[in-house]
Amino acid sequence: MLQTLLVSGYKAHELGIFSDKHEGVYYIKKAIGQKLVSLLDEGLEWVIISGQPGVEMWAAEVVFELQTEFPELKLAVLTPFLEQEARWKENVQEKYHEILAGADFVDSVSRKPYESPGQLRVKNQFLVQKSDAVLLLYDEEKDGSPKYYLDAAKQKQEMDNSYEIFYITPYDLDVLVQEEQYNRNE
């Protein structure tokens, strides 16, 4: 049974998205929402993120939207270290703090501020271990931050073949865009 889902993907800048008003954000959130709704039927109770700007923050917003219809769905934010937002732009910090305020559970894997990249590795492994599956917005032809979660997930999958890795690919997003355009033109 799938109770906890780790959701991650690219940071906003890795996708060339510098505003939440960007059209791509709508489609990414829609794709995340569709997957979460389908997994709710399989017993999904918790979505886990580390709070990174981009896919993870958009996933949190999707969870908040879904909670009106599915109040049993909960959000956990497990940051890699304390004050991860310290160097982010003010508007991103504000959004991050809103997400933390709305989350059902918030904690940090490391109880210290940033010291080394090792804290990020530990966070990736910890969150994968604490989840039953992972949902990644990922393009195999474009490396980036989701690759580290994917590596940890594949390691866990080798030891526990019930661990699932779900993807939202560029193709999936293209299909969503085409469906929306088709439905608008009908």
Protein backbone atom coordinates (compact mmCIF):
# COMPACT_ATOMS: atom_id res chain seq x y z
CA MET A 1 0.00 0.00 0.00
CA LEU A 2 1.29 3.40 -0.96
CA GLN A 3 0.88 5.78 1.99
CA THR A 4 3.78 8.22 1.60
CA LEU A 5 4.88 9.79 -1.67
CA LEU A 6 8.01 11.86 -2.10
CA VAL A 7 7.46 14.51 -4.78
CA SER A 8 10.30 16.38 -6.44
CA GLY A 9 11.66 17.54 -9.75
CA TYR A 10 13.51 20.45 -11.20
CA LYS A 11 13.98 23.75 -9.47
CA ALA A 12 12.13 26.58 -11.23
CA HIS A 13 15.29 28.08 -12.75
CA GLU A 14 16.30 24.67 -14.15
CA LEU A 15 13.08 24.77 -16.18
CA GLY A 16 13.61 28.37 -17.27
CA ILE A 17 10.61 29.44 -15.16
CA PHE A 18 11.11 32.67 -13.27
CA SER A 19 7.50 33.48 -12.36
CA ASP A 20 4.57 31.47 -11.02
CA LYS A 21 2.52 33.13 -13.76
CA HIS A 22 4.48 31.14 -16.38
CA GLU A 23 2.15 28.92 -18.40
CA GLY A 24 4.26 25.86 -17.65
CA VAL A 25 3.48 26.07 -13.92
CA TYR A 26 -0.22 25.47 -14.64
CA TYR A 27 0.53 22.28 -16.59
CA ILE A 28 3.08 20.98 -14.09
CA LYS A 29 0.63 21.49 -11.23
CA LYS A 30 -2.15 19.86 -13.24
CA ALA A 31 0.05 16.80 -13.95
CA ILE A 32 1.01 16.53 -10.26
CA GLY A 33 -2.63 16.85 -9.25
CA GLN A 34 -3.76 14.12 -11.63
CA LYS A 35 -1.13 11.73 -10.28
CA LEU A 36 -1.92 12.50 -6.65
CA VAL A 37 -5.65 11.96 -7.19
CA SER A 38 -4.97 8.59 -8.84
CA LEU A 39 -2.74 7.58 -5.91
CA LEU A 40 -5.31 8.62 -3.31
CA ASP A 41 -7.32 5.58 -4.45
CA GLU A 42 -4.30 3.43 -3.54
CA GLY A 43 -4.15 4.74 0.02
CA LEU A 44 -1.95 7.82 -0.36
CA GLU A 45 -1.96 9.79 2.90
CA TRP A 46 1.24 11.86 2.91
CA VAL A 47 3.11 13.90 0.33
CA ILE A 48 6.70 14.63 1.36
CA ILE A 49 8.82 17.45 -0.05
CA SER A 50 12.03 19.14 1.04
CA GLY A 51 10.63 22.59 0.24
CA GLN A 52 12.78 23.50 -2.77
CA PRO A 53 11.47 26.24 -5.10
CA GLY A 54 9.98 24.84 -8.29
CA VAL A 55 8.28 21.46 -8.55
CA GLU A 56 8.31 20.85 -4.79
CA MET A 57 6.64 24.15 -3.90
CA TRP A 58 4.12 23.69 -6.72
CA ALA A 59 3.38 20.20 -5.39
CA ALA A 60 2.68 21.72 -1.95
CA GLU A 61 0.20 24.14 -3.53
CA VAL A 62 -1.48 21.21 -5.29
CA VAL A 63 -1.77 19.35 -1.98
CA PHE A 64 -3.38 22.43 -0.38
CA GLU A 65 -5.88 22.62 -3.27
CA LEU A 66 -6.67 18.89 -3.03
CA GLN A 67 -7.15 19.04 0.75
CA THR A 68 -10.51 20.77 0.25
CA GLU A 69 -11.79 17.62 -1.46
CA PHE A 70 -9.46 15.11 0.26
CA PRO A 71 -8.93 16.35 3.84
CA GLU A 72 -7.10 13.11 4.71
CA LEU A 73 -4.20 14.11 2.41
CA LYS A 74 -1.32 15.58 4.41
CA LEU A 75 1.87 17.47 3.55
CA ALA A 76 5.23 16.96 5.25
CA VAL A 77 8.12 19.34 4.59
CA LEU A 78 11.45 17.81 5.62
CA THR A 79 14.16 20.35 4.86
CA PRO A 80 17.79 19.27 4.40
CA PHE A 81 19.04 21.76 7.02
CA LEU A 82 17.88 24.76 9.04
CA GLU A 83 17.33 28.08 7.25
CA GLN A 84 17.58 26.59 3.76
CA GLU A 85 15.73 29.65 2.44
CA ALA A 86 18.26 32.17 3.79
CA ARG A 87 19.69 33.07 0.35
CA TRP A 88 16.48 32.87 -1.66
CA LYS A 89 14.72 35.92 -3.10
CA GLU A 90 12.24 37.57 -0.76
CA ASN A 91 9.14 36.55 -2.75
CA VAL A 92 10.30 32.90 -2.79
CA GLN A 93 10.96 33.05 0.97
CA GLU A 94 7.42 34.36 1.52
CA LYS A 95 5.91 31.53 -0.48
CA TYR A 96 8.11 29.01 1.36
CA HIS A 97 6.98 30.32 4.75
CA GLU A 98 3.32 30.10 3.64
CA ILE A 99 3.92 26.46 2.69
CA LEU A 100 5.58 25.71 6.03
CA ALA A 101 2.65 27.35 7.84
CA GLY A 102 0.15 25.22 5.91
CA ALA A 103 2.04 21.92 6.16
CA ASP A 104 0.89 19.18 8.51
CA PHE A 105 4.45 18.32 9.56
CA VAL A 106 7.70 20.31 9.30
CA ASP A 107 11.18 19.27 10.39
CA SER A 108 14.80 19.40 9.25
CA VAL A 109 16.93 16.33 8.55
CA SER A 110 20.01 18.18 9.83
CA ARG A 111 19.46 20.38 12.87
CA LYS A 112 22.15 22.81 11.71
CA PRO A 113 22.36 25.45 8.98
CA TYR A 114 24.11 24.54 5.71
CA GLU A 115 27.59 23.10 6.22
CA SER A 116 28.28 20.86 3.21
CA PRO A 117 26.74 19.08 0.21
CA GLY A 118 26.73 15.96 2.38
CA GLN A 119 23.61 17.32 4.09
CA LEU A 120 21.80 17.20 0.73
CA ARG A 121 22.88 13.59 0.13
CA VAL A 122 21.67 12.60 3.59
CA LYS A 123 18.36 14.39 2.95
CA ASN A 124 17.85 12.57 -0.37
CA GLN A 125 18.49 9.16 1.18
CA PHE A 126 16.40 9.93 4.26
CA LEU A 127 13.36 11.12 2.30
CA VAL A 128 13.51 8.14 -0.05
CA GLN A 129 13.74 5.81 2.97
CA LYS A 130 10.73 7.50 4.59
CA SER A 131 8.55 7.18 1.46
CA ASP A 132 6.78 4.30 -0.27
CA ALA A 133 7.30 5.81 -3.72
CA VAL A 134 8.68 8.87 -5.49
CA LEU A 135 7.10 11.09 -8.14
CA LEU A 136 9.67 13.03 -10.17
CA LEU A 137 9.25 15.62 -12.88
CA TYR A 138 12.21 14.39 -14.87
CA ASP A 139 13.62 14.35 -18.38
CA GLU A 140 16.20 11.60 -18.92
CA GLU A 141 17.91 13.81 -21.49
CA LYS A 142 18.33 16.72 -19.06
CA ASP A 143 20.23 16.12 -15.85
CA GLY A 144 19.58 18.35 -12.92
CA SER A 145 18.68 18.25 -9.25
CA PRO A 146 16.06 15.42 -9.54
CA LYS A 147 18.83 13.02 -10.60
CA TYR A 148 20.02 12.76 -7.00
CA TYR A 149 16.61 11.64 -5.75
CA LEU A 150 16.37 9.25 -8.68
CA ASP A 151 19.73 7.67 -7.80
CA ALA A 152 18.64 7.17 -4.17
CA ALA A 153 15.26 5.81 -5.30
CA LYS A 154 16.87 3.32 -7.67
CA GLN A 155 19.13 2.11 -4.83
CA LYS A 156 16.10 1.60 -2.58
CA GLN A 157 14.24 -0.13 -5.41
CA GLU A 158 17.10 -2.63 -5.78
CA MET A 159 16.66 -3.60 -2.11
CA ASP A 160 12.88 -3.30 -2.00
CA ASN A 161 11.20 -4.02 -5.33
CA SER A 162 7.87 -2.71 -3.99
CA TYR A 163 9.32 0.84 -4.02
CA GLU A 164 7.83 2.64 -7.00
CA ILE A 165 9.28 5.43 -9.12
CA PHE A 166 6.72 7.52 -10.98
CA TYR A 167 7.64 10.10 -13.59
CA ILE A 168 6.11 13.17 -15.12
CA THR A 169 8.00 13.55 -18.40
CA PRO A 170 8.11 16.32 -20.99
CA TYR A 171 5.94 14.03 -23.14
CA ASP A 172 3.31 13.85 -20.37
CA LEU A 173 3.25 17.64 -20.18
CA ASP A 174 2.97 17.93 -23.98
CA VAL A 175 -0.04 15.61 -23.92
CA LEU A 176 -1.68 17.75 -21.22
CA VAL A 177 -1.10 20.91 -23.25
CA GLN A 178 -2.57 19.29 -26.37
CA GLU A 179 -5.62 18.01 -24.45
CA GLU A 180 -6.27 21.46 -22.99
CA GLN A 181 -5.94 23.13 -26.39
CA TYR A 182 -8.22 20.53 -27.97
CA ASN A 183 -10.84 21.00 -25.23
CA ARG A 184 -10.68 24.80 -25.59
CA ASN A 185 -11.27 24.58 -29.34
CA GLU A 186 -14.27 22.27 -29.09
